[in-house]
C-alpha cells in the first residue's frame, strides 16, 4: 500500500496520486487491479475514510485511461494488469513532465502530432518545436500558393497582411493585423532560433506549450482553408 495517510490521498490531485500508486504497483508486483484496490478496502485506516478508498480506485482508473496500465494478455478477467512502457517511462519523470506529455497525447492537431509527438516523447524538445513550426510554415505556403523559396517571417507577412491570400477581408482590420502578428511572432520566437543556433528547452511545460502553440496555429489554418474553399 502507498505510504500516505487517507486524508493526504484524498487531497492530492488525481495524477499525482496515480504516480504514487503506480510506484507501489511496481514495488509490490501487483497484477490484479481488483485485488490491489481490495487491500485498501480491507485496511482499517483507509476503510474508515471511504473517500480515500475511492481516491485510490480513481488513481488506478486514471493510470489505465492514460496508457500507464493495461489489461494483461491472456487473463480471463479484465482486472489483470501490467505496467506499460509509458508507465515505466512516467516513473522516471516528474509530474510537470507527465502532465505535459499527457497534454500532447490528447489534444494535438493531427498534422502536428504526426510531426512532433515522437520527438517530444523522446525528450527532443527542440526538434519537436522545430518540426511543429515547420509544418505550419509548409501549410501556410501551400494554402497561400507561394513558391518554395517563400519562407519564414516574410512568408507569414505576405500570407496574412491586409489583402494577402490568407487574410480575411470580412473581419476588422485590427483582427487581420493581429492574426498576421500572431503567425509572424510565433514563427520568429519558436522556429527561427532553432534554425540558427542550438536552443535548449529545459522546461518541459514551456516546450509542450510551444508545440501546442503550433497546434493552435494549425487549427486556425483549418478554418482559413474552409473559408477559402467555401
Foldseek 3Di string as FASTA:
>chain_A
DFPDQLVVLLPDDLQVNLLSVLVVCVVVVDFFQVVVLVVLCPDPRSVVVVSSSVSSVSSVVVCDVQQQKAQDPPDPDSRGIDGDPVVVVVNVDDPQLVVLLSCLVPDFDVLLCVFQNVCVVVVNLLRSLQRLLVSLQVLLCVQQVHDPPQDALNSLCQQQQVVHSLHDVVDDNVVSVVSSCLNNVLRVPRHVVSVPDDDDDPRSNVSSVNSVSSRVSVVVVVVSSVVVVD
